[in-house]
Amino acid sequence: MLPQFGTAVRKSKSLTAETSGSAPEKATVDVAWLVLEAANDLGDHAAIEACRRVIDAELNGTVAGSSDTDLVLGYFR
């Protein structure tokens, strides 16, 4: 089976934040990486920092702030 890249991956991911109070779900972190790339291209420093906090939270097994998660999930809307 070939790996999925780009749009194929994004279409298969849920773009909803986890509400159970645990670490961010994998889909949110995947979106954070995509937003981080776009924000870097656009020079959007606030979004870059929010993405870094969401990614760091996943790596540390902690909860990302809701404002950071909301920014990441709503970035392309």
PDB file of N, CA and C in Angstrom:
ATOM      1  N   MET A   1       0.842  -1.186   0.000  1.00  0.00           N
ATOM      2  CA  MET A   1       0.000   0.000   0.000  1.00  0.00           C
ATOM      3  C   MET A   1       0.884   1.245   0.000  1.00  0.00           C
ATOM      4  N   LEU A   2       0.564   2.208  -0.824  1.00  0.00           N
ATOM      5  CA  LEU A   2       1.324   3.443  -0.910  1.00  0.00           C
ATOM      6  C   LEU A   2       0.953   4.373   0.239  1.00  0.00           C
ATOM      7  N   PRO A   3       1.914   5.137   0.760  1.00  0.00           N
ATOM      8  CA  PRO A   3       1.595   6.098   1.813  1.00  0.00           C
ATOM      9  C   PRO A   3       0.743   7.227   1.254  1.00  0.00           C
ATOM     10  N   GLN A   4      -0.061   7.827   2.126  1.00  0.00           N
ATOM     11  CA  GLN A   4      -0.912   8.940   1.722  1.00  0.00           C
ATOM     12  C   GLN A   4      -0.171  10.243   1.969  1.00  0.00           C
ATOM     13  N   PHE A   5      -0.288  11.173   1.037  1.00  0.00           N
ATOM     14  CA  PHE A   5       0.343  12.464   1.171  1.00  0.00           C
ATOM     15  C   PHE A   5      -0.669  13.563   0.897  1.00  0.00           C
ATOM     16  N   GLY A   6      -0.397  14.756   1.416  1.00  0.00           N
ATOM     17  CA  GLY A   6      -1.155  15.957   1.086  1.00  0.00           C
ATOM     18  C   GLY A   6      -2.638  15.854   1.317  1.00  0.00           C
ATOM     19  N   THR A   7      -3.414  16.156   0.295  1.00  0.00           N
ATOM     20  CA  THR A   7      -4.865  16.220   0.387  1.00  0.00           C
ATOM     21  C   THR A   7      -5.481  14.895   0.797  1.00  0.00           C
ATOM     22  N   ALA A   8      -4.931  13.797   0.335  1.00  0.00           N
ATOM     23  CA  ALA A   8      -5.484  12.493   0.682  1.00  0.00           C
ATOM     24  C   ALA A   8      -5.451  12.272   2.186  1.00  0.00           C
ATOM     25  N   VAL A   9      -4.412  12.712   2.838  1.00  0.00           N
ATOM     26  CA  VAL A   9      -4.308  12.570   4.283  1.00  0.00           C
ATOM     27  C   VAL A   9      -5.292  13.497   4.973  1.00  0.00           C
ATOM     28  N   ARG A  10      -5.349  14.751   4.534  1.00  0.00           N
ATOM     29  CA  ARG A  10      -6.231  15.723   5.169  1.00  0.00           C
ATOM     30  C   ARG A  10      -7.694  15.327   5.056  1.00  0.00           C
ATOM     31  N   LYS A  11      -8.104  14.749   3.943  1.00  0.00           N
ATOM     32  CA  LYS A  11      -9.496  14.350   3.771  1.00  0.00           C
ATOM     33  C   LYS A  11      -9.881  13.232   4.725  1.00  0.00           C
ATOM     34  N   SER A  12      -8.916  12.416   5.140  1.00  0.00           N
ATOM     35  CA  SER A  12      -9.239  11.288   6.005  1.00  0.00           C
ATOM     36  C   SER A  12      -9.142  11.635   7.483  1.00  0.00           C
ATOM     37  N   LYS A  13      -8.733  12.841   7.833  1.00  0.00           N
ATOM     38  CA  LYS A  13      -8.560  13.240   9.221  1.00  0.00           C
ATOM     39  C   LYS A  13      -9.774  13.996   9.719  1.00  0.00           C
ATOM     40  N   SER A  14     -10.091  13.786  10.987  1.00  0.00           N
ATOM     41  CA  SER A  14     -11.122  14.560  11.641  1.00  0.00           C
ATOM     42  C   SER A  14     -10.522  15.884  12.077  1.00  0.00           C
ATOM     43  N   LEU A  15     -11.218  16.969  11.885  1.00  0.00           N
ATOM     44  CA  LEU A  15     -10.700  18.268  12.270  1.00  0.00           C
ATOM     45  C   LEU A  15     -11.376  18.792  13.530  1.00  0.00           C
ATOM     46  N   THR A  16     -11.764  17.894  14.427  1.00  0.00           N
ATOM     47  CA  THR A  16     -12.390  18.317  15.667  1.00  0.00           C
ATOM     48  C   THR A  16     -11.434  18.135  16.818  1.00  0.00           C
ATOM     49  N   ALA A  17     -11.512  19.036  17.775  1.00  0.00           N
ATOM     50  CA  ALA A  17     -10.644  18.954  18.949  1.00  0.00           C
ATOM     51  C   ALA A  17     -11.222  17.955  19.936  1.00  0.00           C
ATOM     52  N   GLU A  18     -10.352  17.327  20.666  1.00  0.00           N
ATOM     53  CA  GLU A  18     -10.780  16.394  21.692  1.00  0.00           C
ATOM     54  C   GLU A  18     -11.270  17.189  22.883  1.00  0.00           C
ATOM     55  N   THR A  19     -12.390  16.786  23.483  1.00  0.00           N
ATOM     56  CA  THR A  19     -12.965  17.541  24.579  1.00  0.00           C
ATOM     57  C   THR A  19     -12.895  16.805  25.904  1.00  0.00           C
ATOM     58  N   SER A  20     -12.233  15.641  25.964  1.00  0.00           N
ATOM     59  CA  SER A  20     -12.207  14.855  27.189  1.00  0.00           C
ATOM     60  C   SER A  20     -11.165  15.338  28.193  1.00  0.00           C
ATOM     61  N   GLY A  21     -10.346  16.346  27.844  1.00  0.00           N
ATOM     62  CA  GLY A  21      -9.372  16.873  28.773  1.00  0.00           C
ATOM     63  C   GLY A  21      -8.041  16.146  28.756  1.00  0.00           C
ATOM     64  N   SER A  22      -7.838  15.224  27.839  1.00  0.00           N
ATOM     65  CA  SER A  22      -6.554  14.539  27.731  1.00  0.00           C
ATOM     66  C   SER A  22      -5.706  15.229  26.682  1.00  0.00           C
ATOM     67  N   ALA A  23      -4.588  14.623  26.353  1.00  0.00           N
ATOM     68  CA  ALA A  23      -3.687  15.198  25.354  1.00  0.00           C
ATOM     69  C   ALA A  23      -4.418  15.384  24.029  1.00  0.00           C
ATOM     70  N   PRO A  24      -3.946  16.312  23.183  1.00  0.00           N
ATOM     71  CA  PRO A  24      -4.624  16.553  21.908  1.00  0.00           C
ATOM     72  C   PRO A  24      -4.656  15.295  21.047  1.00  0.00           C
ATOM     73  N   GLU A  25      -5.750  15.126  20.312  1.00  0.00           N
ATOM     74  CA  GLU A  25      -5.806  13.943  19.465  1.00  0.00           C
ATOM     75  C   GLU A  25      -4.887  14.122  18.271  1.00  0.00           C
ATOM     76  N   LYS A  26      -4.504  13.006  17.687  1.00  0.00           N
ATOM     77  CA  LYS A  26      -3.506  12.980  16.612  1.00  0.00           C
ATOM     78  C   LYS A  26      -3.913  13.869  15.435  1.00  0.00           C
ATOM     79  N   ALA A  27      -5.194  13.902  15.091  1.00  0.00           N
ATOM     80  CA  ALA A  27      -5.641  14.715  13.963  1.00  0.00           C
ATOM     81  C   ALA A  27      -5.364  16.193  14.209  1.00  0.00           C
ATOM     82  N   THR A  28      -5.543  16.651  15.448  1.00  0.00           N
ATOM     83  CA  THR A  28      -5.289  18.046  15.772  1.00  0.00           C
ATOM     84  C   THR A  28      -3.809  18.369  15.591  1.00  0.00           C
ATOM     85  N   VAL A  29      -2.958  17.458  15.995  1.00  0.00           N
ATOM     86  CA  VAL A  29      -1.518  17.662  15.854  1.00  0.00           C
ATOM     87  C   VAL A  29      -1.125  17.636  14.381  1.00  0.00           C
ATOM     88  N   ASP A  30      -1.727  16.758  13.602  1.00  0.00           N
ATOM     89  CA  ASP A  30      -1.454  16.723  12.161  1.00  0.00           C
ATOM     90  C   ASP A  30      -1.838  18.056  11.517  1.00  0.00           C
ATOM     91  N   VAL A  31      -2.976  18.601  11.907  1.00  0.00           N
ATOM     92  CA  VAL A  31      -3.410  19.894  11.384  1.00  0.00           C
ATOM     93  C   VAL A  31      -2.444  20.982  11.843  1.00  0.00           C
ATOM     94  N   ALA A  32      -1.956  20.881  13.079  1.00  0.00           N
ATOM     95  CA  ALA A  32      -1.007  21.877  13.588  1.00  0.00           C
ATOM     96  C   ALA A  32       0.257  21.916  12.736  1.00  0.00           C
ATOM     97  N   TRP A  33       0.724  20.762  12.287  1.00  0.00           N
ATOM     98  CA  TRP A  33       1.908  20.727  11.409  1.00  0.00           C
ATOM     99  C   TRP A  33       1.615  21.410  10.076  1.00  0.00           C
ATOM    100  N   LEU A  34       0.425  21.188   9.516  1.00  0.00           N
ATOM    101  CA  LEU A  34       0.055  21.838   8.249  1.00  0.00           C
ATOM    102  C   LEU A  34      -0.060  23.346   8.419  1.00  0.00           C
ATOM    103  N   VAL A  35      -0.689  23.762   9.508  1.00  0.00           N
ATOM    104  CA  VAL A  35      -0.847  25.193   9.784  1.00  0.00           C
ATOM    105  C   VAL A  35       0.517  25.825  10.037  1.00  0.00           C
ATOM    106  N   LEU A  36       1.387  25.111  10.750  1.00  0.00           N
ATOM    107  CA  LEU A  36       2.731  25.633  11.018  1.00  0.00           C
ATOM    108  C   LEU A  36       3.474  25.928   9.715  1.00  0.00           C
ATOM    109  N   GLU A  37       3.365  25.030   8.767  1.00  0.00           N
ATOM    110  CA  GLU A  37       4.011  25.247   7.471  1.00  0.00           C
ATOM    111  C   GLU A  37       3.442  26.480   6.765  1.00  0.00           C
ATOM    112  N   ALA A  38       2.112  26.600   6.744  1.00  0.00           N
ATOM    113  CA  ALA A  38       1.478  27.749   6.095  1.00  0.00           C
ATOM    114  C   ALA A  38       1.817  29.046   6.833  1.00  0.00           C
ATOM    115  N   ALA A  39       1.774  29.000   8.159  1.00  0.00           N
ATOM    116  CA  ALA A  39       2.061  30.196   8.952  1.00  0.00           C
ATOM    117  C   ALA A  39       3.510  30.648   8.761  1.00  0.00           C
ATOM    118  N   ASN A  40       4.420  29.694   8.641  1.00  0.00           N
ATOM    119  CA  ASN A  40       5.813  30.043   8.358  1.00  0.00           C
ATOM    120  C   ASN A  40       5.928  30.749   7.013  1.00  0.00           C
ATOM    121  N   ASP A  41       5.230  30.233   6.006  1.00  0.00           N
ATOM    122  CA  ASP A  41       5.259  30.842   4.673  1.00  0.00           C
ATOM    123  C   ASP A  41       4.691  32.261   4.692  1.00  0.00           C
ATOM    124  N   LEU A  42       3.672  32.480   5.533  1.00  0.00           N
ATOM    125  CA  LEU A  42       3.001  33.777   5.587  1.00  0.00           C
ATOM    126  C   LEU A  42       3.612  34.728   6.616  1.00  0.00           C
ATOM    127  N   GLY A  43       4.520  34.229   7.445  1.00  0.00           N
ATOM    128  CA  GLY A  43       5.099  35.065   8.491  1.00  0.00           C
ATOM    129  C   GLY A  43       4.128  35.361   9.614  1.00  0.00           C
ATOM    130  N   ASP A  44       3.184  34.475   9.849  1.00  0.00           N
ATOM    131  CA  ASP A  44       2.157  34.641  10.891  1.00  0.00           C
ATOM    132  C   ASP A  44       2.713  34.119  12.219  1.00  0.00           C
ATOM    133  N   HIS A  45       3.372  35.011  12.967  1.00  0.00           N
ATOM    134  CA  HIS A  45       4.087  34.604  14.177  1.00  0.00           C
ATOM    135  C   HIS A  45       3.162  34.104  15.292  1.00  0.00           C
ATOM    136  N   ALA A  46       1.975  34.682  15.412  1.00  0.00           N
ATOM    137  CA  ALA A  46       1.033  34.225  16.436  1.00  0.00           C
ATOM    138  C   ALA A  46       0.594  32.782  16.168  1.00  0.00           C
ATOM    139  N   ALA A  47       0.319  32.469  14.912  1.00  0.00           N
ATOM    140  CA  ALA A  47      -0.089  31.107  14.549  1.00  0.00           C
ATOM    141  C   ALA A  47       1.071  30.134  14.716  1.00  0.00           C
ATOM    142  N   ILE A  48       2.280  30.565  14.393  1.00  0.00           N
ATOM    143  CA  ILE A  48       3.451  29.711  14.563  1.00  0.00           C
ATOM    144  C   ILE A  48       3.595  29.312  16.030  1.00  0.00           C
ATOM    145  N   GLU A  49       3.475  30.268  16.923  1.00  0.00           N
ATOM    146  CA  GLU A  49       3.605  29.977  18.354  1.00  0.00           C
ATOM    147  C   GLU A  49       2.482  29.073  18.850  1.00  0.00           C
ATOM    148  N   ALA A  50       1.254  29.291  18.377  1.00  0.00           N
ATOM    149  CA  ALA A  50       0.133  28.437  18.768  1.00  0.00           C
ATOM    150  C   ALA A  50       0.359  27.003  18.297  1.00  0.00           C
ATOM    151  N   CYS A  51       0.831  26.843  17.072  1.00  0.00           N
ATOM    152  CA  CYS A  51       1.114  25.504  16.536  1.00  0.00           C
ATOM    153  C   CYS A  51       2.194  24.813  17.356  1.00  0.00           C
ATOM    154  N   ARG A  52       3.217  25.547  17.700  1.00  0.00           N
ATOM    155  CA  ARG A  52       4.301  24.967  18.505  1.00  0.00           C
ATOM    156  C   ARG A  52       3.787  24.498  19.861  1.00  0.00           C
ATOM    157  N   ARG A  53       2.887  25.281  20.467  1.00  0.00           N
ATOM    158  CA  ARG A  53       2.344  24.872  21.768  1.00  0.00           C
ATOM    159  C   ARG A  53       1.478  23.625  21.643  1.00  0.00           C
ATOM    160  N   VAL A  54       0.682  23.524  20.572  1.00  0.00           N
ATOM    161  CA  VAL A  54      -0.148  22.328  20.360  1.00  0.00           C
ATOM    162  C   VAL A  54       0.745  21.112  20.119  1.00  0.00           C
ATOM    163  N   ILE A  55       1.763  21.254  19.309  1.00  0.00           N
ATOM    164  CA  ILE A  55       2.677  20.148  19.016  1.00  0.00           C
ATOM    165  C   ILE A  55       3.441  19.752  20.272  1.00  0.00           C
ATOM    166  N   ASP A  56       3.931  20.731  21.031  1.00  0.00           N
ATOM    167  CA  ASP A  56       4.645  20.437  22.277  1.00  0.00           C
ATOM    168  C   ASP A  56       3.751  19.708  23.273  1.00  0.00           C
ATOM    169  N   ALA A  57       2.493  20.117  23.350  1.00  0.00           N
ATOM    170  CA  ALA A  57       1.561  19.455  24.273  1.00  0.00           C
ATOM    171  C   ALA A  57       1.405  17.984  23.918  1.00  0.00           C
ATOM    172  N   GLU A  58       1.317  17.691  22.608  1.00  0.00           N
ATOM    173  CA  GLU A  58       1.183  16.292  22.187  1.00  0.00           C
ATOM    174  C   GLU A  58       2.443  15.508  22.520  1.00  0.00           C
ATOM    175  N   LEU A  59       3.595  16.102  22.310  1.00  0.00           N
ATOM    176  CA  LEU A  59       4.855  15.420  22.593  1.00  0.00           C
ATOM    177  C   LEU A  59       5.049  15.182  24.083  1.00  0.00           C
ATOM    178  N   ASN A  60       4.533  16.098  24.908  1.00  0.00           N
ATOM    179  CA  ASN A  60       4.674  15.979  26.359  1.00  0.00           C
ATOM    180  C   ASN A  60       3.517  15.230  27.011  1.00  0.00           C
ATOM    181  N   GLY A  61       2.482  14.907  26.244  1.00  0.00           N
ATOM    182  CA  GLY A  61       1.318  14.214  26.792  1.00  0.00           C
ATOM    183  C   GLY A  61       0.455  15.104  27.671  1.00  0.00           C
ATOM    184  N   THR A  62       0.475  16.404  27.401  1.00  0.00           N
ATOM    185  CA  THR A  62      -0.333  17.347  28.167  1.00  0.00           C
ATOM    186  C   THR A  62      -1.441  17.916  27.291  1.00  0.00           C
ATOM    187  N   VAL A  63      -2.209  18.818  27.862  1.00  0.00           N
ATOM    188  CA  VAL A  63      -3.341  19.409  27.149  1.00  0.00           C
ATOM    189  C   VAL A  63      -2.944  20.760  26.581  1.00  0.00           C
ATOM    190  N   ALA A  64      -3.219  20.965  25.308  1.00  0.00           N
ATOM    191  CA  ALA A  64      -2.982  22.263  24.670  1.00  0.00           C
ATOM    192  C   ALA A  64      -4.096  23.212  25.081  1.00  0.00           C
ATOM    193  N   GLY A  65      -3.776  24.482  25.136  1.00  0.00           N
ATOM    194  CA  GLY A  65      -4.789  25.475  25.468  1.00  0.00           C
ATOM    195  C   GLY A  65      -5.892  25.507  24.422  1.00  0.00           C
ATOM    196  N   SER A  66      -7.102  25.769  24.876  1.00  0.00           N
ATOM    197  CA  SER A  66      -8.235  25.768  23.941  1.00  0.00           C
ATOM    198  C   SER A  66      -8.105  26.873  22.902  1.00  0.00           C
ATOM    199  N   SER A  67      -7.521  28.009  23.265  1.00  0.00           N
ATOM    200  CA  SER A  67      -7.361  29.080  22.280  1.00  0.00           C
ATOM    201  C   SER A  67      -6.365  28.673  21.188  1.00  0.00           C
ATOM    202  N   ASP A  68      -5.310  27.952  21.581  1.00  0.00           N
ATOM    203  CA  ASP A  68      -4.351  27.465  20.584  1.00  0.00           C
ATOM    204  C   ASP A  68      -4.995  26.438  19.663  1.00  0.00           C
ATOM    205  N   THR A  69      -5.739  25.511  20.245  1.00  0.00           N
ATOM    206  CA  THR A  69      -6.421  24.474  19.463  1.00  0.00           C
ATOM    207  C   THR A  69      -7.439  25.098  18.518  1.00  0.00           C
ATOM    208  N   ASP A  70      -8.198  26.079  19.012  1.00  0.00           N
ATOM    209  CA  ASP A  70      -9.189  26.756  18.171  1.00  0.00           C
ATOM    210  C   ASP A  70      -8.529  27.476  16.997  1.00  0.00           C
ATOM    211  N   LEU A  71      -7.401  28.144  17.259  1.00  0.00           N
ATOM    212  CA  LEU A  71      -6.688  28.839  16.184  1.00  0.00           C
ATOM    213  C   LEU A  71      -6.219  27.850  15.137  1.00  0.00           C
ATOM    214  N   VAL A  72      -5.627  26.746  15.585  1.00  0.00           N
ATOM    215  CA  VAL A  72      -5.106  25.730  14.648  1.00  0.00           C
ATOM    216  C   VAL A  72      -6.229  25.148  13.807  1.00  0.00           C
ATOM    217  N   LEU A  73      -7.313  24.753  14.446  1.00  0.00           N
ATOM    218  CA  LEU A  73      -8.399  24.085  13.717  1.00  0.00           C
ATOM    219  C   LEU A  73      -9.178  25.038  12.808  1.00  0.00           C
ATOM    220  N   GLY A  74      -9.165  26.327  13.109  1.00  0.00           N
ATOM    221  CA  GLY A  74      -9.897  27.282  12.287  1.00  0.00           C
ATOM    222  C   GLY A  74      -9.041  28.064  11.322  1.00  0.00           C
ATOM    223  N   TYR A  75      -7.770  27.738  11.218  1.00  0.00           N
ATOM    224  CA  TYR A  75      -6.828  28.554  10.447  1.00  0.00           C
ATOM    225  C   TYR A  75      -7.182  28.651   8.964  1.00  0.00           C
ATOM    226  N   PHE A  76      -7.627  27.584   8.358  1.00  0.00           N
ATOM    227  CA  PHE A  76      -7.899  27.593   6.913  1.00  0.00           C
ATOM    228  C   PHE A  76      -9.353  27.921   6.588  1.00  0.00           C
ATOM    229  N   ARG A  77     -10.121  28.293   7.546  1.00  0.00           N
ATOM    230  CA  ARG A  77     -11.550  28.600   7.297  1.00  0.00           C
ATOM    231  C   ARG A  77     -11.734  30.031   6.937  1.00  0.00           C
TER     232      ARG A  77
END
